[in-house]
Protein backbone atom coordinates (compact mmCIF):
# COMPACT_ATOMS: atom_id res chain seq x y z
CA UNK A 1 0.00 0.00 0.00
CA UNK A 2 2.83 2.41 0.82
CA UNK A 3 4.46 1.77 -2.56
CA UNK A 4 1.16 2.48 -4.35
CA UNK A 5 0.70 5.80 -2.51
CA UNK A 6 4.27 6.90 -3.25
CA UNK A 7 3.91 6.06 -6.93
CA UNK A 8 0.59 7.92 -7.13
CA UNK A 9 2.14 11.03 -5.53
CA UNK A 10 5.10 10.86 -7.91
CA UNK A 11 2.72 10.45 -10.85
CA UNK A 12 0.75 13.55 -9.83
CA UNK A 13 3.95 15.53 -9.17
CA UNK A 14 5.27 14.82 -12.68
CA UNK A 15 1.95 15.86 -14.20
CA UNK A 16 2.01 19.10 -12.20
CA UNK A 17 5.60 19.83 -13.27
CA UNK A 18 4.63 19.24 -16.92
CA UNK A 19 1.74 21.70 -16.54
CA UNK A 20 3.98 24.37 -14.97
CA UNK A 21 6.66 24.02 -17.66
CA UNK A 22 4.13 24.23 -20.53
CA UNK A 23 2.51 27.30 -18.95
CA UNK A 24 5.81 29.13 -18.60
CA UNK A 25 6.74 28.31 -22.21
CA UNK A 26 3.31 29.45 -23.47
CA UNK A 27 2.52 26.02 -24.90
CA UNK A 28 -0.48 23.75 -24.68
CA UNK A 29 -0.92 22.79 -20.97
CA UNK A 30 -2.52 19.46 -21.88
CA UNK A 31 0.55 18.49 -23.91
CA UNK A 32 2.83 19.36 -20.97
CA UNK A 33 0.73 17.26 -18.58
CA UNK A 34 0.82 14.27 -20.96
CA UNK A 35 4.59 14.55 -21.34
CA UNK A 36 5.02 14.73 -17.57
CA UNK A 37 2.78 11.68 -17.03
CA UNK A 38 4.65 9.74 -19.74
CA UNK A 39 7.98 10.48 -18.05
CA UNK A 40 6.46 9.36 -14.71
CA UNK A 41 5.32 6.06 -16.25
CA UNK A 42 8.77 5.48 -17.70
CA UNK A 43 10.50 6.17 -14.36
CA UNK A 44 8.05 3.91 -12.48
CA UNK A 45 8.65 1.10 -15.00
CA UNK A 46 12.41 1.44 -14.54
CA UNK A 47 11.95 1.39 -10.76
CA UNK A 48 9.88 -1.82 -10.91
CA UNK A 49 12.48 -3.52 -13.11
CA UNK A 50 15.39 -2.48 -10.89
CA UNK A 51 13.54 -3.56 -7.74
CA UNK A 52 13.58 -7.14 -9.01
CA UNK A 53 17.33 -7.14 -9.42
CA UNK A 54 19.68 -8.00 -6.52
CA UNK A 55 21.36 -5.11 -4.78
CA UNK A 56 24.79 -6.38 -5.89
CA UNK A 57 23.89 -5.87 -9.57
CA UNK A 58 22.56 -2.36 -9.03
CA UNK A 59 25.50 -1.30 -6.88
CA UNK A 60 27.98 -2.69 -9.41
CA UNK A 61 26.41 -0.59 -12.20
CA UNK A 62 26.37 2.57 -10.08
CA UNK A 63 29.92 2.08 -8.88
CA UNK A 64 31.06 1.30 -12.43
CA UNK A 65 29.55 4.55 -13.73
CA UNK A 66 31.22 6.53 -10.94
CA UNK A 67 34.60 4.91 -11.58
CA UNK A 68 34.29 5.35 -15.35
CA UNK A 69 33.45 9.06 -15.02
CA UNK A 70 36.45 9.66 -12.74
CA UNK A 71 38.80 7.84 -15.11
CA UNK A 72 37.44 9.79 -18.09
CA UNK A 73 38.15 13.09 -16.35
CA UNK A 74 41.67 11.92 -15.50
CA UNK A 75 42.39 10.87 -19.08
CA UNK A 76 40.97 14.15 -20.38
CA UNK A 77 43.25 16.13 -18.08
CA UNK A 78 46.17 14.08 -19.37
CA UNK A 79 45.30 15.33 -22.85
CA UNK A 80 45.27 18.85 -21.50
CA UNK A 81 48.84 18.38 -20.24
CA UNK A 82 50.18 17.16 -23.58
CA UNK A 83 53.21 18.95 -25.04
CA UNK A 84 52.57 17.93 -28.61
CA UNK A 85 51.98 21.14 -30.52
CA UNK A 86 50.10 19.52 -33.38
CA UNK A 87 47.74 17.67 -31.06
CA UNK A 88 47.22 20.74 -28.91
CA UNK A 89 46.43 22.88 -31.95
CA UNK A 90 44.03 20.31 -33.38
CA UNK A 91 42.30 19.33 -30.19
CA UNK A 92 42.94 21.62 -27.24
CA UNK A 93 43.91 25.05 -28.56
CA UNK A 94 41.92 27.98 -27.28
CA UNK A 95 41.05 28.88 -30.84
CA UNK A 96 39.92 25.33 -31.61
CA UNK A 97 36.43 23.94 -31.73
CA UNK A 98 35.05 23.61 -28.16
CA UNK A 99 32.42 21.16 -29.36
CA UNK A 100 35.20 18.80 -30.44
CA UNK A 101 36.70 18.94 -26.95
CA UNK A 102 33.34 18.11 -25.39
CA UNK A 103 32.94 15.25 -27.84
CA UNK A 104 36.32 13.83 -26.78
CA UNK A 105 35.30 14.06 -23.12
CA UNK A 106 31.98 12.35 -23.85
CA UNK A 107 33.71 9.58 -25.79
CA UNK A 108 36.17 8.94 -22.99
CA UNK A 109 33.30 8.88 -20.46
CA UNK A 110 31.30 6.35 -22.48
CA UNK A 111 34.30 4.05 -23.06
CA UNK A 112 35.55 4.15 -19.46
CA UNK A 113 32.07 3.73 -18.01
CA UNK A 114 31.33 0.71 -20.19
CA UNK A 115 34.62 -1.01 -19.36
CA UNK A 116 34.29 -0.33 -15.63
CA UNK A 117 30.65 -1.43 -15.44
CA UNK A 118 31.30 -4.71 -17.27
CA UNK A 119 34.46 -5.59 -15.32
CA UNK A 120 32.99 -4.77 -11.92
CA UNK A 121 29.66 -6.47 -12.71
CA UNK A 122 31.37 -9.74 -13.66
CA UNK A 123 33.59 -9.69 -10.55
CA UNK A 124 31.02 -8.37 -8.06
CA UNK A 125 31.01 -11.57 -5.96
CA UNK A 126 34.79 -11.44 -5.45
CA UNK A 127 34.98 -7.75 -4.63
CA UNK A 128 32.87 -7.09 -1.54
CA UNK A 129 35.07 -4.94 0.65
CA UNK A 130 34.20 -1.70 -1.16
CA UNK A 131 31.23 0.24 0.23
CA UNK A 132 28.89 -0.17 -2.80
CA UNK A 133 29.16 -3.95 -2.35
CA UNK A 134 27.95 -3.98 1.26
CA UNK A 135 24.86 -6.19 1.39
CA UNK A 136 21.75 -4.55 2.81
CA UNK A 137 20.40 -7.07 5.30
CA UNK A 138 19.20 -7.15 8.88
CA UNK A 139 21.98 -7.14 11.43
CA UNK A 140 22.41 -10.64 12.82
CA UNK A 141 23.31 -11.26 16.46
CA UNK A 142 25.28 -14.20 17.71
CA UNK A 143 26.33 -16.96 15.38
CA UNK A 144 26.09 -16.89 11.62
CA UNK A 145 22.62 -17.44 10.14
CA UNK A 146 21.53 -20.87 8.93
CA UNK A 147 20.00 -21.56 5.50
CA UNK A 148 17.55 -24.46 5.78
CA UNK A 149 17.39 -27.15 3.10
CA UNK A 150 14.20 -28.94 2.04
CA UNK A 151 15.46 -32.24 3.42
CA UNK A 152 15.88 -30.70 6.89
CA UNK A 153 12.28 -29.44 6.84
CA UNK A 154 10.85 -32.75 5.66
CA UNK A 155 12.91 -34.66 8.25
CA UNK A 156 10.60 -33.39 11.02
CA UNK A 157 13.21 -32.91 13.77
CA UNK A 158 13.89 -29.23 13.09
CA UNK A 159 11.10 -27.89 15.28
CA UNK A 160 12.20 -29.95 18.30
CA UNK A 161 15.80 -28.80 17.85
CA UNK A 162 14.71 -25.15 17.65
CA UNK A 163 12.55 -25.49 20.75
CA UNK A 164 15.59 -26.82 22.61
CA UNK A 165 17.33 -23.47 21.78
CA UNK A 166 20.15 -25.29 20.01
CA UNK A 167 20.10 -22.82 17.08
CA UNK A 168 20.40 -19.37 18.67
CA UNK A 169 20.50 -17.61 15.33
CA UNK A 170 18.33 -16.67 12.36
CA UNK A 171 16.92 -19.49 10.24
CA UNK A 172 16.68 -18.45 6.58
CA UNK A 173 14.08 -20.22 4.42
CA UNK A 174 14.62 -19.38 0.70
CA UNK A 175 11.54 -19.15 -1.49
CA UNK A 176 12.85 -21.81 -3.86
CA UNK A 177 12.96 -24.20 -0.88
CA UNK A 178 9.31 -23.39 -0.15
CA UNK A 179 8.47 -24.06 -3.79
CA UNK A 180 10.20 -27.45 -3.68
CA UNK A 181 8.45 -28.22 -0.39
CA UNK A 182 5.11 -27.37 -2.00
CA UNK A 183 5.90 -29.76 -4.86
CA UNK A 184 6.60 -32.50 -2.32
CA UNK A 185 3.31 -31.71 -0.57
CA UNK A 186 1.49 -32.03 -3.93
CA UNK A 187 3.22 -35.31 -4.82
CA UNK A 188 1.17 -38.31 -5.96
CA UNK A 189 3.06 -40.50 -3.47
CA UNK A 190 1.05 -40.54 -0.24
CA UNK A 191 4.11 -40.81 2.02
CA UNK A 192 5.93 -37.91 0.35
CA UNK A 193 2.74 -35.85 0.33
CA UNK A 194 2.19 -36.36 4.05
CA UNK A 195 5.80 -35.49 4.87
CA UNK A 196 5.63 -32.35 2.71
CA UNK A 197 2.44 -31.18 4.39
CA UNK A 198 3.91 -31.89 7.80
CA UNK A 199 6.93 -29.78 6.87
CA UNK A 200 4.71 -26.85 5.85
CA UNK A 201 2.72 -27.10 9.09
CA UNK A 202 5.95 -27.24 11.08
CA UNK A 203 7.24 -24.06 9.42
CA UNK A 204 3.98 -22.28 10.23
CA UNK A 205 4.29 -23.25 13.91
CA UNK A 206 7.92 -22.09 13.95
CA UNK A 207 6.93 -18.71 12.47
CA UNK A 208 4.38 -18.20 15.24
CA UNK A 209 7.02 -18.89 17.89
CA UNK A 210 8.29 -15.49 19.05
CA UNK A 211 11.47 -17.03 20.42
CA UNK A 212 12.60 -18.08 16.93
CA UNK A 213 13.95 -15.77 14.23
CA UNK A 214 12.59 -17.07 10.91
CA UNK A 215 13.36 -15.12 7.73
CA UNK A 216 11.84 -15.87 4.32
CA UNK A 217 14.47 -14.94 1.72
CA UNK A 218 13.48 -14.21 -1.88
CA UNK A 219 16.55 -16.07 -3.15
CA UNK A 220 16.71 -14.15 -6.43
CA UNK A 221 20.41 -13.49 -6.00
CA UNK A 222 21.18 -17.22 -5.82
CA UNK A 223 22.68 -18.64 -8.99
CA UNK A 224 22.29 -22.18 -10.24
CA UNK A 225 19.89 -24.47 -12.07
CA UNK A 226 19.12 -26.79 -9.14
CA UNK A 227 17.97 -26.20 -5.58
CA UNK A 228 21.27 -27.54 -4.19
CA UNK A 229 23.38 -25.17 -6.28
CA UNK A 230 21.15 -22.23 -5.34
CA UNK A 231 21.47 -23.13 -1.65
CA UNK A 232 25.26 -23.18 -1.83
CA UNK A 233 25.32 -19.90 -3.78
CA UNK A 234 22.96 -18.15 -1.36
CA UNK A 235 24.83 -19.42 1.70
CA UNK A 236 28.08 -18.14 0.24
CA UNK A 237 26.59 -14.70 -0.40
CA UNK A 238 25.09 -14.42 3.08
CA UNK A 239 28.13 -15.95 4.81
CA UNK A 240 25.73 -18.48 6.34
CA UNK A 241 25.70 -22.19 7.08
CA UNK A 242 23.46 -24.83 5.47
CA UNK A 243 21.22 -27.08 7.58
CA UNK A 244 20.51 -30.29 5.69
CA UNK A 245 20.10 -34.05 5.84
CA UNK A 246 21.53 -34.56 2.34
CA UNK A 247 24.99 -36.13 2.43
CA UNK A 248 25.77 -35.17 -1.19
CA UNK A 249 24.81 -31.53 -0.59
CA UNK A 250 27.15 -31.44 2.40
CA UNK A 251 30.06 -32.63 0.25
CA UNK A 252 29.29 -30.17 -2.56
CA UNK A 253 29.12 -27.29 -0.07
CA UNK A 254 32.37 -28.41 1.55
CA UNK A 255 34.14 -28.28 -1.82
CA UNK A 256 33.00 -24.65 -2.17
CA UNK A 257 34.09 -23.69 1.37
CA UNK A 258 30.52 -23.39 2.69
CA UNK A 259 29.91 -24.76 6.18
CA UNK A 260 27.06 -27.24 6.68
CA UNK A 261 25.21 -28.78 9.61
CA UNK A 262 24.01 -32.32 8.92
CA UNK A 263 21.10 -33.34 11.13
CA UNK A 264 22.10 -36.99 10.91
CA UNK A 265 25.62 -36.24 12.13
CA UNK A 266 24.16 -34.09 14.89
CA UNK A 267 21.82 -36.89 15.99
CA UNK A 268 24.69 -39.40 16.01
CA UNK A 269 26.83 -37.05 18.07
CA UNK A 270 24.07 -36.65 20.68
CA UNK A 271 23.60 -40.38 21.19
CA UNK A 272 25.12 -41.74 24.41
CA UNK A 273 28.49 -43.43 24.07
CA UNK A 274 28.56 -47.17 24.73
CA UNK A 275 31.92 -48.73 25.59
CA UNK A 276 32.91 -52.40 25.25
CA UNK A 277 32.07 -54.30 28.41
CA UNK A 278 29.00 -52.27 29.33
CA UNK A 279 25.66 -54.01 29.85
CA UNK A 280 22.49 -53.26 27.95
CA UNK A 281 18.95 -54.55 28.22
CA UNK A 282 16.90 -54.71 25.06
CA UNK A 283 14.31 -56.74 23.23
CA UNK A 284 15.38 -58.81 20.23
CA UNK A 285 12.79 -58.29 17.51
CA UNK A 286 14.18 -59.92 14.37
CA UNK A 287 16.99 -62.20 13.10
CA UNK A 288 20.26 -60.77 11.86
CA UNK A 289 22.05 -61.24 8.55
CA UNK A 290 24.57 -63.76 9.88
CA UNK A 291 23.77 -67.15 11.32
CA UNK A 292 22.70 -67.07 14.98
CA UNK A 293 22.43 -63.26 15.13
CA UNK A 294 19.51 -61.32 16.53
CA UNK A 295 18.77 -57.63 16.12
CA UNK A 296 17.28 -55.17 18.60
CA UNK A 297 17.07 -51.41 18.92
CA UNK A 298 17.76 -48.96 21.72
CA UNK A 299 15.31 -46.22 22.62
CA UNK A 300 17.17 -43.71 20.39
CA UNK A 301 16.96 -46.03 17.37
CA UNK A 302 20.51 -47.39 17.51
CA UNK A 303 20.66 -50.90 16.03
CA UNK A 304 22.21 -53.59 18.22
CA UNK A 305 23.42 -56.88 16.68
CA UNK A 306 23.41 -59.67 19.27
CA UNK A 307 25.49 -62.80 18.78
CA UNK A 308 23.62 -66.02 19.57
CA UNK A 309 20.40 -64.07 19.86
CA UNK A 310 18.38 -65.60 17.04
CA UNK A 311 16.69 -68.12 19.35
CA UNK A 312 15.67 -65.32 21.74
CA UNK A 313 13.55 -63.29 19.31
CA UNK A 314 10.71 -61.64 21.20
CA UNK A 315 12.54 -61.83 24.53
CA UNK A 316 14.16 -59.06 26.58
CA UNK A 317 17.76 -60.04 27.26
CA UNK A 318 20.84 -58.65 28.98
CA UNK A 319 23.81 -58.30 26.67
CA UNK A 320 27.44 -57.30 27.05
CA UNK A 321 28.73 -54.83 24.48
CA UNK A 322 31.70 -56.10 22.50
CA UNK A 323 32.24 -53.30 19.97
CA UNK A 324 30.58 -50.42 18.11
CA UNK A 325 30.81 -49.26 14.51
CA UNK A 326 30.12 -45.76 13.16
CA UNK A 327 28.73 -45.75 9.61
CA UNK A 328 27.27 -43.07 7.32
CA UNK A 329 23.80 -44.39 8.15
CA UNK A 330 24.39 -44.21 11.91
CA UNK A 331 25.98 -46.24 14.65
CA UNK A 332 25.79 -50.00 15.14
CA UNK A 333 26.49 -51.81 18.42
CA UNK A 334 27.61 -55.42 18.62
CA UNK A 335 27.17 -57.55 21.70
CA UNK A 336 26.48 -61.05 23.00
CA UNK A 337 23.99 -62.48 25.43
CA UNK A 338 25.39 -62.76 28.93
CA UNK A 339 25.93 -66.29 30.18
CA UNK A 340 24.06 -65.52 33.41
CA UNK A 341 21.12 -64.02 31.54
CA UNK A 342 18.63 -66.54 32.96
CA UNK A 343 19.67 -65.99 36.55
CA UNK A 344 19.70 -62.21 36.15
CA UNK A 345 16.29 -62.33 34.50
CA UNK A 346 14.86 -64.35 37.43
CA UNK A 347 16.43 -61.90 39.87
CA UNK A 348 14.97 -58.91 38.03
CA UNK A 349 11.56 -60.59 38.04
CA UNK A 350 11.72 -61.25 41.79
CA UNK A 351 12.69 -57.62 42.42
CA UNK A 352 9.75 -56.49 40.32
CA UNK A 353 7.26 -58.68 42.22
CA UNK A 354 8.67 -57.52 45.54
CA UNK A 355 8.26 -53.88 44.51
CA UNK A 356 4.66 -54.51 43.50
CA UNK A 357 3.89 -56.07 46.88
CA UNK A 358 5.47 -53.12 48.73
CA UNK A 359 3.36 -50.70 46.69
CA UNK A 360 0.20 -52.53 47.79
CA UNK A 361 1.05 -52.22 51.48
CA UNK A 362 -0.83 -49.38 53.07
CA UNK A 363 1.26 -47.56 55.69
């Protein structure tokens, strides 16, 4: 609404200026108003086009024009200092044609401006320490912001992590990530559709949480043909990190010196450490790949392979940890059933019955 009001006021101001100019020049006032309104429409159209361009592109053009104009003036003054009599008489003599001198200055300005604009525009991403290349964005407090990938939203653990105050920084959601998330939510596959819709609902809840800083970024400045390449480009421009569950995206970002946070690696790091010799109690639910093996899972989802546990499927057993293995898919624990499992199970059962009887006693 504010933009519409400002454009309307500018439109009326240009029409009024056109009327005043035509009146002072004793010309048709209607023609002056039409010319003023036409100029206003042209300026508004240019403003709308430039507003869709990233600030880096606009600043590179402006800075290129400034640099080109300064260089043109310097080169022109060099011509003024020339000692060549013939050149001075032809070009710079007081009796010479002043229009020719202005034409030389204009030519130098056009050439220098074009060269400077093109060179600076093509190298704008590697030349950020000059004031025109400062990015206009909200000042961030604390750690660097985090750009969220679609896989991290679909995963479903992001909201719980944010509620735990683990990410004390701004979470940036690019619009192209929202578009990909909407495509997942509209998928013909029921499982993907449900996960996409859950991701959208989770983002809405996170936006309503006043403790979280969620920023929707337009992402127009990101370059690339795929979502992954745009994410890496945008993170590099914002000096941010990428939050993802995609292993390949993490490697691509690492090759381009962009830091990433992998939710799977974070979950593995937060799991409790189990050392060889420790005891665990778990339920064996299925047979393993090797002969005689049984497989169970801890409460955090860690898979435990139990030697000589195939014949105890469906039972809760005590095992002794023998080793652990960290893989790209997570951590695996290997163990064997304790030899005194039966006696310990009977003892645990007696303790349980005794506790139940004590609870029934009324003091």
